[in-house]
Amino acid sequence: MSEVIKITTPLSDEVVDSLKSGDQVSIKGILYTARDAAHKRLIDLLDHRDELPFDIKGQIIYYVGPTPAKPGAIIGSAGPTTSYRMDPYAPRLMEVGMKGMIGKGNRTQSVIDAMVKYKSIYFAAIGGAGALVARSIKKVEIIAYEDLGPEAIRKMEVEDFQAVVVNDTYGNDVYKEGMNKYKR
């Protein structure tokens, strides 16, 4: 089992370059949440040369739509959603400074190419373990698009958020590498 690499947001190019496909990471700092509808609105803002509702430079967007919090909790289950739905929007957000994405599932080749070009990285969080993931979330607030309900953009403070590097800045893909090992 490999060593867990501790990283803190916002991410620098140096940190992103140091991570390799298959690395296990523990994330501390701020994550922003956004799914399809929020991504479309972010791109619309960029198209109209308006400011985004948060400074995206060096940040990680977590693809999640958390469930409502139980009494006394700050957030409900917060497991990752399927990432390919954000693929039409991800390259543009990387172009303006986003350094990481967290979700589940494969990314398209155009997104992988953009990760290489803009020095960004894609992490996978554990799917089906949203209640466990929620334990690493220490603070949460809606910062934009409250009308989207669970898909509103949230600013989350996390500690020891566990993820695996799927795609690194060198074009590597842990899913493809894993499949190739078993095809031999």
Protein backbone atom coordinates (compact mmCIF):
# COMPACT_ATOMS: atom_id res chain seq x y z
CA MET A 1 0.00 0.00 0.00
CA SER A 2 1.40 3.38 -0.97
CA GLU A 3 1.86 6.32 1.34
CA VAL A 4 -0.96 8.88 1.55
CA ILE A 5 0.17 12.30 0.29
CA LYS A 6 -1.13 15.28 2.26
CA ILE A 7 -2.11 18.28 0.14
CA THR A 8 -3.65 21.62 1.05
CA THR A 9 -5.82 23.86 -1.12
CA PRO A 10 -5.45 26.03 -3.07
CA LEU A 11 -3.17 23.90 -5.24
CA SER A 12 -0.04 25.23 -6.92
CA ASP A 13 1.37 24.02 -10.25
CA GLU A 14 4.22 22.41 -8.29
CA VAL A 15 1.86 20.34 -6.14
CA VAL A 16 -0.25 19.31 -9.13
CA ASP A 17 2.89 18.35 -11.11
CA SER A 18 4.14 16.23 -8.20
CA LEU A 19 1.02 14.05 -8.12
CA LYS A 20 0.88 10.91 -10.24
CA SER A 21 -1.95 8.71 -11.40
CA GLY A 22 -2.70 6.20 -8.62
CA ASP A 23 -1.45 8.40 -5.75
CA GLN A 24 -3.61 8.38 -2.64
CA VAL A 25 -4.14 11.86 -1.19
CA SER A 26 -5.56 13.46 1.93
CA ILE A 27 -6.93 16.93 1.18
CA LYS A 28 -7.15 19.76 3.69
CA GLY A 29 -8.57 23.21 3.00
CA ILE A 30 -11.42 24.54 0.89
CA LEU A 31 -13.32 22.61 -1.77
CA TYR A 32 -16.09 24.13 -3.87
CA THR A 33 -19.06 22.04 -4.95
CA ALA A 34 -20.76 22.25 -8.34
CA ARG A 35 -22.68 19.98 -10.67
CA ASP A 36 -24.12 20.33 -14.18
CA ALA A 37 -26.51 23.26 -13.74
CA ALA A 38 -24.01 25.28 -11.69
CA HIS A 39 -21.27 24.57 -14.24
CA LYS A 40 -23.48 25.88 -17.04
CA ARG A 41 -24.05 29.09 -15.08
CA LEU A 42 -20.31 29.49 -14.42
CA ILE A 43 -19.57 29.16 -18.13
CA ASP A 44 -22.34 31.65 -18.94
CA LEU A 45 -20.67 34.13 -16.58
CA LEU A 46 -17.31 33.61 -18.30
CA ASP A 47 -18.94 34.00 -21.72
CA HIS A 48 -20.33 37.36 -20.61
CA ARG A 49 -16.99 38.35 -19.03
CA ASP A 50 -18.58 38.47 -15.59
CA GLU A 51 -16.82 37.42 -12.39
CA LEU A 52 -17.33 33.96 -10.97
CA PRO A 53 -18.91 33.74 -7.50
CA PHE A 54 -15.54 32.57 -6.08
CA ASP A 55 -11.87 32.83 -7.02
CA ILE A 56 -11.30 29.61 -8.95
CA LYS A 57 -7.51 29.96 -9.21
CA GLY A 58 -5.83 26.95 -7.63
CA GLN A 59 -9.12 25.51 -6.44
CA ILE A 60 -10.73 22.08 -6.57
CA ILE A 61 -14.37 21.56 -7.54
CA TYR A 62 -16.05 18.56 -5.94
CA TYR A 63 -18.86 17.12 -8.04
CA VAL A 64 -21.44 16.50 -5.32
CA GLY A 65 -25.06 17.27 -4.51
CA PRO A 66 -25.22 16.54 -0.78
CA THR A 67 -28.35 15.28 0.90
CA PRO A 68 -30.04 17.42 3.56
CA ALA A 69 -28.30 17.50 6.92
CA LYS A 70 -29.82 15.55 9.80
CA PRO A 71 -30.53 17.56 12.96
CA GLY A 72 -27.23 18.57 14.55
CA ALA A 73 -25.17 17.82 11.41
CA ILE A 74 -23.68 20.39 9.03
CA ILE A 75 -24.23 18.30 5.90
CA GLY A 76 -25.87 15.06 4.82
CA SER A 77 -24.36 12.31 2.74
CA ALA A 78 -21.80 13.85 0.36
CA GLY A 79 -20.64 11.20 -2.09
CA PRO A 80 -19.29 12.04 -5.55
CA THR A 81 -21.42 12.19 -8.65
CA THR A 82 -20.50 10.96 -12.12
CA SER A 83 -17.99 13.36 -13.63
CA TYR A 84 -18.55 13.06 -17.38
CA ARG A 85 -21.60 15.35 -17.13
CA MET A 86 -19.20 18.21 -16.31
CA ASP A 87 -16.86 17.39 -19.22
CA PRO A 88 -18.33 20.03 -21.59
CA TYR A 89 -17.47 22.72 -19.00
CA ALA A 90 -14.26 21.51 -17.32
CA PRO A 91 -11.69 22.65 -19.93
CA ARG A 92 -12.92 26.24 -19.77
CA LEU A 93 -12.73 26.27 -15.96
CA MET A 94 -9.20 24.85 -16.11
CA GLU A 95 -8.28 27.59 -18.56
CA VAL A 96 -9.21 30.24 -15.96
CA GLY A 97 -7.30 28.55 -13.13
CA MET A 98 -9.15 25.55 -11.67
CA LYS A 99 -6.50 23.02 -10.58
CA GLY A 100 -8.53 20.00 -9.53
CA MET A 101 -11.79 18.11 -9.82
CA ILE A 102 -13.20 15.36 -7.62
CA GLY A 103 -15.86 12.92 -8.76
CA LYS A 104 -16.27 9.37 -9.95
CA GLY A 105 -15.91 7.69 -13.31
CA ASN A 106 -13.92 8.30 -16.47
CA ARG A 107 -13.25 11.64 -18.18
CA THR A 108 -13.28 12.29 -21.92
CA GLN A 109 -10.04 12.65 -23.84
CA SER A 110 -10.66 16.38 -24.33
CA VAL A 111 -10.76 16.85 -20.54
CA ILE A 112 -7.61 14.76 -20.08
CA ASP A 113 -5.88 16.86 -22.77
CA ALA A 114 -6.97 20.05 -20.98
CA MET A 115 -5.52 18.70 -17.70
CA VAL A 116 -2.15 18.33 -19.43
CA LYS A 117 -2.37 21.76 -21.07
CA TYR A 118 -3.53 23.69 -17.98
CA LYS A 119 -1.81 21.63 -15.26
CA SER A 120 -4.91 20.31 -13.57
CA ILE A 121 -5.75 17.00 -11.95
CA TYR A 122 -8.72 14.69 -11.50
CA PHE A 123 -9.32 12.82 -8.27
CA ALA A 124 -11.82 10.06 -7.52
CA ALA A 125 -13.58 9.95 -4.17
CA ILE A 126 -15.16 6.79 -2.84
CA GLY A 127 -18.54 6.30 -4.48
CA GLY A 128 -21.29 4.81 -2.32
CA ALA A 129 -19.70 6.06 0.89
CA GLY A 130 -21.21 9.55 1.08
CA ALA A 131 -21.85 9.39 4.81
CA LEU A 132 -18.20 8.49 5.39
CA VAL A 133 -17.01 11.28 3.09
CA ALA A 134 -19.22 13.77 4.98
CA ARG A 135 -17.17 13.16 8.14
CA SER A 136 -14.22 14.99 6.59
CA ILE A 137 -16.35 18.12 5.99
CA LYS A 138 -15.91 20.54 8.89
CA LYS A 139 -17.74 23.64 7.63
CA VAL A 140 -20.10 24.33 4.74
CA GLU A 141 -21.92 27.34 3.33
CA ILE A 142 -23.88 28.00 0.15
CA ILE A 143 -22.15 30.76 -1.79
CA ALA A 144 -24.10 30.79 -5.08
CA TYR A 145 -27.20 29.49 -6.83
CA GLU A 146 -29.22 28.55 -3.76
CA ASP A 147 -32.17 27.99 -6.11
CA LEU A 148 -30.42 24.82 -7.32
CA GLY A 149 -30.96 23.13 -3.95
CA PRO A 150 -28.47 20.31 -3.44
CA GLU A 151 -26.65 21.44 -6.60
CA ALA A 152 -25.98 24.96 -5.30
CA ILE A 153 -22.33 25.98 -5.13
CA ARG A 154 -20.99 25.39 -1.64
CA LYS A 155 -17.74 26.34 0.01
CA MET A 156 -16.64 23.40 2.16
CA GLU A 157 -13.80 23.28 4.62
CA VAL A 158 -12.38 19.77 4.74
CA GLU A 159 -9.79 17.84 6.73
CA ASP A 160 -8.42 14.45 5.71
CA PHE A 161 -10.63 14.19 2.62
CA GLN A 162 -9.47 10.94 1.01
CA ALA A 163 -9.15 10.64 -2.77
CA VAL A 164 -7.10 8.92 -5.47
CA VAL A 165 -5.44 10.63 -8.42
CA VAL A 166 -7.11 9.25 -11.55
CA ASN A 167 -5.70 11.60 -14.20
CA ASP A 168 -2.46 13.51 -13.70
CA THR A 169 -0.89 16.38 -15.64
CA TYR A 170 1.04 13.90 -17.79
CA GLY A 171 -2.04 12.32 -19.38
CA ASN A 172 -1.94 9.15 -17.29
CA ASP A 173 -5.19 7.43 -16.34
CA VAL A 174 -5.37 4.99 -13.40
CA TYR A 175 -8.51 3.35 -14.83
CA LYS A 176 -6.82 2.53 -18.15
CA GLU A 177 -3.62 1.45 -16.39
CA GLY A 178 -5.64 -0.86 -14.12
CA MET A 179 -7.49 -2.46 -17.03
CA ASN A 180 -4.28 -2.99 -18.97
CA LYS A 181 -2.74 -4.88 -16.04
CA TYR A 182 -5.49 -7.47 -16.20
CA LYS A 183 -5.62 -7.81 -19.99
CA ARG A 184 -2.18 -9.40 -20.11
